[in-house]
Amino acid sequence: MAQTPDRILDELLVIGCQRGDLNAFEQLVSRWHDRLKRHAWHLTGDSDASAEIVQDAWVVIVRTIRNLKEPTSFRGWAFRIVSNKAADWIRRQTRQRTLRSDLENRRDDDGSDAESDNRTSDIQAGLQKLPEVSRQILSLKYLDNLSTREIARTLDIPVGTVKSRLFNAREQLKQRLERKNDE
């Protein structure tokens, strides 16, 4: 994969962090915090939880960045940490709330009524009904724009498995959306 200026900068910032450069860490947080928070939100659908998840993820990142052997893999590594934290949060929440109340709360928070917003809401509702593995892989691919290879590294699975899971997840989402349109 070709190195872009952004990726080179991220690599240099990670190296700076590994050397204890506080300024490099602040820049890395500035560049990645919103992306990681958006990823957490895509996985959980909860903005408060997303903020908490990303904060917890930064604690892990600070504690373990010195152990990151390949600074070029920061992107996938950080997304994996957030994904794992989000999965933990989802498991905890599953026992406490039903899917129906989650969807009602999300609709209440949204407050918009445009047709495209309704479609987005339908897609998000469909995503939330998918199994965690499917929701995670679709989020990494389409919402966080990771390549198939980056997803494979993030989830620590073969590229072929990523492709298979993407295909299956898209089919599951498509079926849910078609059922929603038929109602």
N, C-alpha and C. Protein backbone atom coordinates (compact mmCIF):
# COMPACT_ATOMS: atom_id res chain seq x y z
N MET A 1 0.84 -1.16 0.00
CA MET A 1 0.00 0.00 0.00
C MET A 1 0.90 1.24 0.00
N ALA A 2 0.58 2.20 -0.84
CA ALA A 2 1.37 3.42 -0.95
C ALA A 2 1.21 4.26 0.31
N GLN A 3 2.29 4.86 0.72
CA GLN A 3 2.26 5.73 1.89
C GLN A 3 1.80 7.11 1.49
N THR A 4 0.75 7.58 2.10
CA THR A 4 0.26 8.92 1.87
C THR A 4 0.89 9.85 2.90
N PRO A 5 0.87 11.14 2.65
CA PRO A 5 1.44 12.06 3.65
C PRO A 5 0.78 11.91 5.03
N ASP A 6 -0.54 11.66 5.06
CA ASP A 6 -1.22 11.48 6.35
C ASP A 6 -0.70 10.24 7.09
N ARG A 7 -0.51 9.17 6.35
CA ARG A 7 -0.01 7.93 6.98
C ARG A 7 1.42 8.10 7.46
N ILE A 8 2.21 8.81 6.69
CA ILE A 8 3.60 9.07 7.10
C ILE A 8 3.61 9.91 8.36
N LEU A 9 2.77 10.94 8.41
CA LEU A 9 2.68 11.78 9.60
C LEU A 9 2.24 10.95 10.81
N ASP A 10 1.24 10.10 10.63
CA ASP A 10 0.79 9.24 11.73
C ASP A 10 1.93 8.35 12.22
N GLU A 11 2.69 7.80 11.30
CA GLU A 11 3.81 6.93 11.67
C GLU A 11 4.85 7.72 12.48
N LEU A 12 5.16 8.93 12.03
CA LEU A 12 6.12 9.76 12.76
C LEU A 12 5.59 10.14 14.14
N LEU A 13 4.30 10.42 14.23
CA LEU A 13 3.71 10.75 15.53
C LEU A 13 3.75 9.55 16.47
N VAL A 14 3.48 8.37 15.96
CA VAL A 14 3.55 7.16 16.79
C VAL A 14 4.97 6.96 17.30
N ILE A 15 5.94 7.12 16.42
CA ILE A 15 7.34 6.98 16.84
C ILE A 15 7.67 8.01 17.92
N GLY A 16 7.19 9.24 17.72
CA GLY A 16 7.38 10.27 18.75
C GLY A 16 6.75 9.86 20.07
N CYS A 17 5.53 9.31 20.03
CA CYS A 17 4.85 8.85 21.24
C CYS A 17 5.66 7.76 21.93
N GLN A 18 6.20 6.85 21.13
CA GLN A 18 6.98 5.75 21.69
C GLN A 18 8.24 6.27 22.38
N ARG A 19 8.69 7.42 21.97
CA ARG A 19 9.88 8.04 22.59
C ARG A 19 9.50 8.96 23.74
N GLY A 20 8.22 9.08 24.03
CA GLY A 20 7.78 9.89 25.15
C GLY A 20 7.49 11.34 24.83
N ASP A 21 7.34 11.68 23.56
CA ASP A 21 7.09 13.05 23.14
C ASP A 21 5.60 13.39 23.36
N LEU A 22 5.33 14.21 24.36
CA LEU A 22 3.96 14.58 24.70
C LEU A 22 3.28 15.34 23.57
N ASN A 23 4.01 16.20 22.88
CA ASN A 23 3.46 16.96 21.76
C ASN A 23 3.00 16.02 20.64
N ALA A 24 3.78 14.99 20.37
CA ALA A 24 3.41 14.01 19.35
C ALA A 24 2.12 13.30 19.75
N PHE A 25 2.01 12.97 21.04
CA PHE A 25 0.80 12.30 21.51
C PHE A 25 -0.41 13.22 21.36
N GLU A 26 -0.26 14.47 21.73
CA GLU A 26 -1.37 15.42 21.60
C GLU A 26 -1.82 15.54 20.15
N GLN A 27 -0.86 15.57 19.23
CA GLN A 27 -1.20 15.65 17.81
C GLN A 27 -1.90 14.38 17.34
N LEU A 28 -1.42 13.24 17.82
CA LEU A 28 -2.04 11.96 17.43
C LEU A 28 -3.49 11.91 17.93
N VAL A 29 -3.71 12.34 19.15
CA VAL A 29 -5.07 12.38 19.70
C VAL A 29 -5.92 13.34 18.86
N SER A 30 -5.37 14.49 18.55
CA SER A 30 -6.11 15.49 17.76
C SER A 30 -6.51 14.92 16.40
N ARG A 31 -5.63 14.16 15.78
CA ARG A 31 -5.90 13.61 14.45
C ARG A 31 -6.88 12.43 14.49
N TRP A 32 -6.87 11.64 15.56
CA TRP A 32 -7.60 10.38 15.57
C TRP A 32 -8.81 10.32 16.49
N HIS A 33 -8.93 11.21 17.44
CA HIS A 33 -10.00 11.10 18.42
C HIS A 33 -11.39 11.06 17.77
N ASP A 34 -11.66 12.00 16.89
CA ASP A 34 -13.00 12.05 16.28
C ASP A 34 -13.28 10.82 15.43
N ARG A 35 -12.27 10.33 14.70
CA ARG A 35 -12.48 9.13 13.88
C ARG A 35 -12.78 7.92 14.75
N LEU A 36 -12.04 7.78 15.84
CA LEU A 36 -12.26 6.65 16.73
C LEU A 36 -13.63 6.76 17.42
N LYS A 37 -14.01 7.97 17.77
CA LYS A 37 -15.31 8.18 18.40
C LYS A 37 -16.44 7.85 17.42
N ARG A 38 -16.26 8.25 16.15
CA ARG A 38 -17.26 7.94 15.13
C ARG A 38 -17.38 6.43 14.96
N HIS A 39 -16.23 5.74 14.97
CA HIS A 39 -16.24 4.28 14.85
C HIS A 39 -17.01 3.67 16.03
N ALA A 40 -16.73 4.14 17.22
CA ALA A 40 -17.43 3.62 18.41
C ALA A 40 -18.93 3.89 18.30
N TRP A 41 -19.28 5.06 17.78
CA TRP A 41 -20.70 5.38 17.63
C TRP A 41 -21.36 4.45 16.60
N HIS A 42 -20.63 4.16 15.51
CA HIS A 42 -21.19 3.26 14.50
C HIS A 42 -21.45 1.87 15.10
N LEU A 43 -20.61 1.46 16.02
CA LEU A 43 -20.77 0.15 16.63
C LEU A 43 -21.84 0.13 17.71
N THR A 44 -21.99 1.23 18.44
CA THR A 44 -22.91 1.24 19.58
C THR A 44 -24.19 2.01 19.33
N GLY A 45 -24.13 3.04 18.49
CA GLY A 45 -25.29 3.89 18.27
C GLY A 45 -25.57 4.80 19.45
N ASP A 46 -24.62 4.97 20.34
CA ASP A 46 -24.83 5.76 21.55
C ASP A 46 -23.67 6.75 21.68
N SER A 47 -23.98 8.05 21.59
CA SER A 47 -22.91 9.06 21.60
C SER A 47 -22.21 9.14 22.95
N ASP A 48 -22.95 9.01 24.05
CA ASP A 48 -22.30 9.04 25.37
C ASP A 48 -21.37 7.84 25.55
N ALA A 49 -21.86 6.68 25.15
CA ALA A 49 -21.03 5.48 25.26
C ALA A 49 -19.80 5.60 24.36
N SER A 50 -19.98 6.19 23.19
CA SER A 50 -18.86 6.35 22.26
C SER A 50 -17.75 7.18 22.89
N ALA A 51 -18.13 8.25 23.56
CA ALA A 51 -17.13 9.09 24.22
C ALA A 51 -16.40 8.31 25.31
N GLU A 52 -17.16 7.55 26.08
CA GLU A 52 -16.57 6.75 27.16
C GLU A 52 -15.65 5.66 26.61
N ILE A 53 -16.10 5.00 25.56
CA ILE A 53 -15.32 3.93 24.94
C ILE A 53 -14.00 4.47 24.41
N VAL A 54 -14.06 5.60 23.72
CA VAL A 54 -12.83 6.17 23.15
C VAL A 54 -11.89 6.64 24.25
N GLN A 55 -12.44 7.19 25.30
CA GLN A 55 -11.59 7.60 26.41
C GLN A 55 -10.87 6.38 27.00
N ASP A 56 -11.60 5.29 27.19
CA ASP A 56 -10.98 4.06 27.68
C ASP A 56 -9.94 3.53 26.70
N ALA A 57 -10.25 3.66 25.41
CA ALA A 57 -9.31 3.20 24.39
C ALA A 57 -8.01 4.01 24.44
N TRP A 58 -8.13 5.32 24.63
CA TRP A 58 -6.91 6.16 24.71
C TRP A 58 -6.06 5.77 25.91
N VAL A 59 -6.69 5.37 26.99
CA VAL A 59 -5.91 4.91 28.15
C VAL A 59 -5.09 3.68 27.75
N VAL A 60 -5.73 2.75 27.05
CA VAL A 60 -5.01 1.55 26.60
C VAL A 60 -3.90 1.94 25.62
N ILE A 61 -4.22 2.83 24.71
CA ILE A 61 -3.23 3.26 23.71
C ILE A 61 -2.02 3.88 24.39
N VAL A 62 -2.26 4.78 25.36
CA VAL A 62 -1.15 5.42 26.08
C VAL A 62 -0.28 4.38 26.77
N ARG A 63 -0.94 3.42 27.40
CA ARG A 63 -0.19 2.42 28.17
C ARG A 63 0.59 1.44 27.30
N THR A 64 0.12 1.22 26.08
CA THR A 64 0.72 0.13 25.29
C THR A 64 1.36 0.58 23.97
N ILE A 65 1.36 1.87 23.67
CA ILE A 65 1.88 2.31 22.37
C ILE A 65 3.36 1.96 22.21
N ARG A 66 4.07 1.91 23.31
CA ARG A 66 5.50 1.54 23.22
C ARG A 66 5.67 0.11 22.72
N ASN A 67 4.66 -0.72 22.89
CA ASN A 67 4.73 -2.12 22.46
C ASN A 67 4.33 -2.31 21.00
N LEU A 68 3.83 -1.25 20.37
CA LEU A 68 3.41 -1.35 18.97
C LEU A 68 4.66 -1.47 18.10
N LYS A 69 4.86 -2.66 17.53
CA LYS A 69 6.10 -2.93 16.79
C LYS A 69 6.16 -2.23 15.44
N GLU A 70 5.00 -2.09 14.80
CA GLU A 70 4.95 -1.45 13.48
C GLU A 70 4.15 -0.16 13.58
N PRO A 71 4.81 0.98 13.66
CA PRO A 71 4.08 2.25 13.75
C PRO A 71 3.10 2.47 12.60
N THR A 72 3.34 1.83 11.46
CA THR A 72 2.42 1.97 10.32
C THR A 72 1.09 1.29 10.59
N SER A 73 1.04 0.41 11.57
CA SER A 73 -0.21 -0.32 11.84
C SER A 73 -1.06 0.37 12.91
N PHE A 74 -0.72 1.60 13.27
CA PHE A 74 -1.47 2.31 14.32
C PHE A 74 -2.95 2.36 14.01
N ARG A 75 -3.31 2.69 12.78
CA ARG A 75 -4.71 2.86 12.40
C ARG A 75 -5.54 1.62 12.74
N GLY A 76 -5.12 0.49 12.24
CA GLY A 76 -5.85 -0.75 12.50
C GLY A 76 -5.82 -1.15 13.97
N TRP A 77 -4.68 -0.92 14.61
CA TRP A 77 -4.50 -1.24 16.02
C TRP A 77 -5.47 -0.42 16.86
N ALA A 78 -5.54 0.88 16.60
CA ALA A 78 -6.43 1.76 17.37
C ALA A 78 -7.90 1.39 17.13
N PHE A 79 -8.26 1.10 15.88
CA PHE A 79 -9.64 0.69 15.59
C PHE A 79 -9.97 -0.63 16.31
N ARG A 80 -9.01 -1.53 16.38
CA ARG A 80 -9.25 -2.81 17.06
C ARG A 80 -9.49 -2.58 18.56
N ILE A 81 -8.71 -1.70 19.16
CA ILE A 81 -8.91 -1.40 20.58
C ILE A 81 -10.30 -0.83 20.81
N VAL A 82 -10.71 0.13 19.97
CA VAL A 82 -12.05 0.72 20.10
C VAL A 82 -13.12 -0.35 19.86
N SER A 83 -12.91 -1.19 18.85
CA SER A 83 -13.88 -2.26 18.57
C SER A 83 -14.04 -3.19 19.77
N ASN A 84 -12.93 -3.54 20.39
CA ASN A 84 -12.99 -4.42 21.56
C ASN A 84 -13.70 -3.75 22.73
N LYS A 85 -13.40 -2.47 22.95
CA LYS A 85 -14.07 -1.73 24.02
C LYS A 85 -15.57 -1.61 23.73
N ALA A 86 -15.92 -1.38 22.47
CA ALA A 86 -17.33 -1.28 22.09
C ALA A 86 -18.03 -2.63 22.28
N ALA A 87 -17.36 -3.70 21.93
CA ALA A 87 -17.94 -5.04 22.11
C ALA A 87 -18.21 -5.30 23.60
N ASP A 88 -17.29 -4.89 24.45
CA ASP A 88 -17.48 -5.04 25.89
C ASP A 88 -18.71 -4.26 26.34
N TRP A 89 -18.82 -3.03 25.86
CA TRP A 89 -19.95 -2.18 26.23
C TRP A 89 -21.27 -2.79 25.76
N ILE A 90 -21.28 -3.29 24.53
CA ILE A 90 -22.49 -3.90 23.96
C ILE A 90 -22.92 -5.10 24.79
N ARG A 91 -21.96 -5.92 25.16
CA ARG A 91 -22.30 -7.09 25.99
C ARG A 91 -22.94 -6.67 27.32
N ARG A 92 -22.40 -5.62 27.91
CA ARG A 92 -22.97 -5.14 29.18
C ARG A 92 -24.39 -4.59 28.98
N GLN A 93 -24.57 -3.87 27.89
CA GLN A 93 -25.87 -3.23 27.64
C GLN A 93 -26.94 -4.22 27.24
N THR A 94 -26.55 -5.32 26.63
CA THR A 94 -27.53 -6.30 26.17
C THR A 94 -28.37 -6.82 27.33
N ARG A 95 -27.75 -6.93 28.48
CA ARG A 95 -28.48 -7.40 29.66
C ARG A 95 -29.39 -6.34 30.24
N GLN A 96 -29.15 -5.08 29.93
CA GLN A 96 -29.87 -4.00 30.60
C GLN A 96 -30.99 -3.38 29.78
N ARG A 97 -30.90 -3.47 28.46
CA ARG A 97 -31.93 -2.80 27.65
C ARG A 97 -32.36 -3.69 26.50
N THR A 98 -33.52 -3.39 25.98
CA THR A 98 -34.00 -4.12 24.82
C THR A 98 -33.66 -3.33 23.56
N LEU A 99 -33.67 -4.00 22.43
CA LEU A 99 -33.39 -3.33 21.17
C LEU A 99 -34.44 -2.25 20.88
N ARG A 100 -35.66 -2.49 21.25
CA ARG A 100 -36.72 -1.50 20.99
C ARG A 100 -36.44 -0.17 21.69
N SER A 101 -36.04 -0.18 22.93
CA SER A 101 -35.77 1.07 23.63
C SER A 101 -34.53 1.76 23.05
N ASP A 102 -33.57 0.97 22.60
CA ASP A 102 -32.39 1.56 21.94
C ASP A 102 -32.82 2.35 20.71
N LEU A 103 -33.67 1.73 19.89
CA LEU A 103 -34.08 2.40 18.66
C LEU A 103 -34.91 3.65 18.97
N GLU A 104 -35.80 3.56 19.95
CA GLU A 104 -36.61 4.72 20.31
C GLU A 104 -35.74 5.87 20.82
N ASN A 105 -34.76 5.56 21.65
CA ASN A 105 -33.86 6.60 22.16
C ASN A 105 -33.07 7.24 21.03
N ARG A 106 -32.61 6.43 20.11
CA ARG A 106 -31.81 6.95 19.00
C ARG A 106 -32.68 7.86 18.12
N ARG A 107 -33.92 7.47 17.88
CA ARG A 107 -34.82 8.31 17.08
C ARG A 107 -35.12 9.63 17.80
N ASP A 108 -35.32 9.54 19.12
CA ASP A 108 -35.57 10.74 19.90
C ASP A 108 -34.38 11.69 19.85
N ASP A 109 -33.17 11.16 19.93
CA ASP A 109 -31.96 11.98 19.89
C ASP A 109 -31.76 12.61 18.52
N ASP A 110 -32.19 11.90 17.47
CA ASP A 110 -31.94 12.37 16.10
C ASP A 110 -32.74 13.64 15.82
N GLY A 111 -34.05 13.59 16.00
CA GLY A 111 -34.90 14.75 15.84
C GLY A 111 -35.09 15.24 14.42
N SER A 112 -34.56 14.57 13.41
CA SER A 112 -34.74 15.04 12.04
C SER A 112 -35.80 14.20 11.35
N ASP A 113 -36.43 14.79 10.29
CA ASP A 113 -37.52 14.08 9.65
C ASP A 113 -37.40 14.06 8.14
N ALA A 114 -36.26 14.40 7.59
CA ALA A 114 -36.07 14.37 6.14
C ALA A 114 -36.06 12.92 5.67
N GLU A 115 -36.42 12.72 4.40
CA GLU A 115 -36.49 11.37 3.85
C GLU A 115 -35.13 10.66 3.91
N SER A 116 -34.06 11.37 3.59
CA SER A 116 -32.73 10.75 3.65
C SER A 116 -32.36 10.39 5.07
N ASP A 117 -32.81 11.19 6.03
CA ASP A 117 -32.55 10.88 7.42
C ASP A 117 -33.31 9.62 7.84
N ASN A 118 -34.52 9.46 7.29
CA ASN A 118 -35.29 8.25 7.58
C ASN A 118 -34.58 7.02 7.02
N ARG A 119 -34.04 7.15 5.82
CA ARG A 119 -33.31 6.03 5.20
C ARG A 119 -32.07 5.70 6.03
N THR A 120 -31.36 6.75 6.46
CA THR A 120 -30.19 6.54 7.31
C THR A 120 -30.60 5.87 8.61
N SER A 121 -31.72 6.31 9.16
CA SER A 121 -32.23 5.71 10.40
C SER A 121 -32.58 4.24 10.17
N ASP A 122 -33.20 3.93 9.02
CA ASP A 122 -33.53 2.55 8.70
C ASP A 122 -32.27 1.70 8.59
N ILE A 123 -31.24 2.26 7.95
CA ILE A 123 -29.98 1.52 7.79
C ILE A 123 -29.36 1.29 9.17
N GLN A 124 -29.34 2.33 9.99
CA GLN A 124 -28.76 2.17 11.32
C GLN A 124 -29.55 1.19 12.17
N ALA A 125 -30.87 1.22 12.06
CA ALA A 125 -31.68 0.26 12.78
C ALA A 125 -31.39 -1.16 12.28
N GLY A 126 -31.25 -1.30 10.96
CA GLY A 126 -30.90 -2.60 10.39
C GLY A 126 -29.55 -3.06 10.86
N LEU A 127 -28.58 -2.14 10.91
CA LEU A 127 -27.24 -2.48 11.39
C LEU A 127 -27.30 -2.96 12.84
N GLN A 128 -28.08 -2.27 13.67
CA GLN A 128 -28.14 -2.64 15.08
C GLN A 128 -28.76 -4.02 15.29
N LYS A 129 -29.57 -4.47 14.34
CA LYS A 129 -30.19 -5.79 14.46
C LYS A 129 -29.28 -6.92 13.97
N LEU A 130 -28.21 -6.55 13.28
CA LEU A 130 -27.28 -7.56 12.78
C LEU A 130 -26.45 -8.12 13.92
N PRO A 131 -25.92 -9.33 13.73
CA PRO A 131 -24.98 -9.86 14.72
C PRO A 131 -23.77 -8.92 14.84
N GLU A 132 -23.15 -8.94 16.00
CA GLU A 132 -22.02 -8.03 16.28
C GLU A 132 -20.92 -8.14 15.22
N VAL A 133 -20.60 -9.35 14.78
CA VAL A 133 -19.53 -9.54 13.78
C VAL A 133 -19.88 -8.83 12.48
N SER A 134 -21.11 -8.95 12.04
CA SER A 134 -21.55 -8.31 10.80
C SER A 134 -21.55 -6.79 10.94
N ARG A 135 -22.06 -6.30 12.05
CA ARG A 135 -22.11 -4.87 12.30
C ARG A 135 -20.70 -4.28 12.32
N GLN A 136 -19.79 -4.97 12.97
CA GLN A 136 -18.42 -4.50 13.09
C GLN A 136 -17.73 -4.44 11.73
N ILE A 137 -17.87 -5.46 10.92
CA ILE A 137 -17.16 -5.50 9.65
C ILE A 137 -17.72 -4.47 8.68
N LEU A 138 -19.04 -4.26 8.68
CA LEU A 138 -19.63 -3.23 7.81
C LEU A 138 -19.20 -1.84 8.26
N SER A 139 -19.13 -1.64 9.55
CA SER A 139 -18.70 -0.34 10.08
C SER A 139 -17.26 -0.05 9.67
N LEU A 140 -16.38 -1.02 9.84
CA LEU A 140 -14.97 -0.82 9.48
C LEU A 140 -14.81 -0.53 7.99
N LYS A 141 -15.57 -1.21 7.16
CA LYS A 141 -15.44 -1.06 5.71
C LYS A 141 -16.08 0.24 5.20
N TYR A 142 -17.33 0.46 5.54
CA TYR A 142 -18.07 1.55 4.90
C TYR A 142 -18.15 2.84 5.71
N LEU A 143 -18.06 2.73 7.00
CA LEU A 143 -18.17 3.93 7.81
C LEU A 143 -16.80 4.48 8.20
N ASP A 144 -15.83 3.58 8.36
CA ASP A 144 -14.48 4.01 8.73
C ASP A 144 -13.50 3.91 7.56
N ASN A 145 -13.98 3.43 6.41
CA ASN A 145 -13.21 3.38 5.17
C ASN A 145 -11.89 2.63 5.27
N LEU A 146 -11.87 1.53 5.99
CA LEU A 146 -10.68 0.70 6.04
C LEU A 146 -10.68 -0.23 4.83
N SER A 147 -9.49 -0.51 4.33
CA SER A 147 -9.38 -1.45 3.23
C SER A 147 -9.58 -2.87 3.76
N THR A 148 -9.77 -3.81 2.85
CA THR A 148 -9.96 -5.20 3.25
C THR A 148 -8.73 -5.69 4.03
N ARG A 149 -7.57 -5.32 3.57
CA ARG A 149 -6.33 -5.73 4.24
C ARG A 149 -6.25 -5.11 5.65
N GLU A 150 -6.64 -3.84 5.78
CA GLU A 150 -6.61 -3.19 7.09
C GLU A 150 -7.62 -3.84 8.04
N ILE A 151 -8.77 -4.21 7.52
CA ILE A 151 -9.77 -4.89 8.35
C ILE A 151 -9.22 -6.23 8.82
N ALA A 152 -8.55 -6.93 7.92
CA ALA A 152 -7.95 -8.23 8.28
C ALA A 152 -6.96 -8.05 9.42
N ARG A 153 -6.12 -7.02 9.33
CA ARG A 153 -5.16 -6.76 10.41
C ARG A 153 -5.87 -6.34 11.70
N THR A 154 -6.88 -5.50 11.56
CA THR A 154 -7.62 -5.01 12.73
C THR A 154 -8.28 -6.16 13.49
N LEU A 155 -8.91 -7.06 12.75
CA LEU A 155 -9.64 -8.17 13.37
C LEU A 155 -8.78 -9.42 13.54
N ASP A 156 -7.57 -9.38 13.01
CA ASP A 156 -6.65 -10.50 13.09
C ASP A 156 -7.26 -11.76 12.46
N ILE A 157 -7.77 -11.57 11.23
CA ILE A 157 -8.34 -12.67 10.46
C ILE A 157 -7.80 -12.59 9.03
N PRO A 158 -7.86 -13.68 8.26
CA PRO A 158 -7.38 -13.64 6.87
C PRO A 158 -8.23 -12.73 5.99
N VAL A 159 -7.62 -12.23 4.92
CA VAL A 159 -8.31 -11.34 3.97
C VAL A 159 -9.53 -12.05 3.38
N GLY A 160 -9.39 -13.32 3.06
CA GLY A 160 -10.51 -14.08 2.50
C GLY A 160 -11.69 -14.14 3.46
N THR A 161 -11.42 -14.24 4.73
CA THR A 161 -12.48 -14.25 5.74
C THR A 161 -13.18 -12.89 5.78
N VAL A 162 -12.39 -11.82 5.65
CA VAL A 162 -12.98 -10.47 5.61
C VAL A 162 -13.95 -10.37 4.45
N LYS A 163 -13.51 -10.81 3.27
CA LYS A 163 -14.35 -10.73 2.08
C LYS A 163 -15.64 -11.53 2.26
N SER A 164 -15.51 -12.72 2.82
CA SER A 164 -16.68 -13.57 3.05
C SER A 164 -17.64 -12.93 4.05
N ARG A 165 -17.08 -12.40 5.13
CA ARG A 165 -17.93 -11.76 6.14
C ARG A 165 -18.60 -10.50 5.59
N LEU A 166 -17.87 -9.74 4.78
CA LEU A 166 -18.46 -8.55 4.16
C LEU A 166 -19.64 -8.94 3.28
N PHE A 167 -19.45 -9.96 2.46
CA PHE A 167 -20.52 -10.42 1.58
C PHE A 167 -21.74 -10.83 2.40
N ASN A 168 -21.52 -11.65 3.42
CA ASN A 168 -22.63 -12.13 4.25
C ASN A 168 -23.31 -10.99 5.00
N ALA A 169 -22.52 -10.07 5.52
CA ALA A 169 -23.09 -8.94 6.27
C ALA A 169 -23.92 -8.05 5.36
N ARG A 170 -23.43 -7.80 4.14
CA ARG A 170 -24.20 -6.98 3.19
C ARG A 170 -25.52 -7.67 2.85
N GLU A 171 -25.49 -8.97 2.67
CA GLU A 171 -26.71 -9.72 2.37
C GLU A 171 -27.69 -9.65 3.54
N GLN A 172 -27.18 -9.80 4.76
CA GLN A 172 -28.06 -9.72 5.93
C GLN A 172 -28.71 -8.34 6.02
N LEU A 173 -27.92 -7.29 5.82
CA LEU A 173 -28.46 -5.93 5.90
C LEU A 173 -29.47 -5.70 4.79
N LYS A 174 -29.16 -6.16 3.60
CA LYS A 174 -30.07 -6.01 2.46
C LYS A 174 -31.42 -6.68 2.76
N GLN A 175 -31.39 -7.88 3.30
CA GLN A 175 -32.62 -8.59 3.63
C GLN A 175 -33.43 -7.84 4.69
N ARG A 176 -32.76 -7.30 5.69
CA ARG A 176 -33.46 -6.55 6.74
C ARG A 176 -34.11 -5.29 6.17
N LEU A 177 -33.38 -4.61 5.28
CA LEU A 177 -33.93 -3.38 4.69
C LEU A 177 -35.10 -3.70 3.77
N GLU A 178 -35.01 -4.81 3.02
CA GLU A 178 -36.12 -5.19 2.16
C GLU A 178 -37.35 -5.54 2.98
N ARG A 179 -37.16 -6.24 4.11
CA ARG A 179 -38.28 -6.57 4.99
C ARG A 179 -38.90 -5.30 5.56
N LYS A 180 -38.07 -4.32 5.89
CA LYS A 180 -38.54 -3.04 6.44
C LYS A 180 -39.37 -2.31 5.38
N ASN A 181 -38.93 -2.34 4.12
CA ASN A 181 -39.66 -1.66 3.03
C ASN A 181 -40.97 -2.34 2.74
N ASP A 182 -41.06 -3.65 2.98
CA ASP A 182 -42.29 -4.39 2.72
C ASP A 182 -43.35 -4.14 3.79
N GLU A 183 -42.93 -3.62 4.94
CA GLU A 183 -43.89 -3.39 6.04
C GLU A 183 -44.78 -2.21 5.78
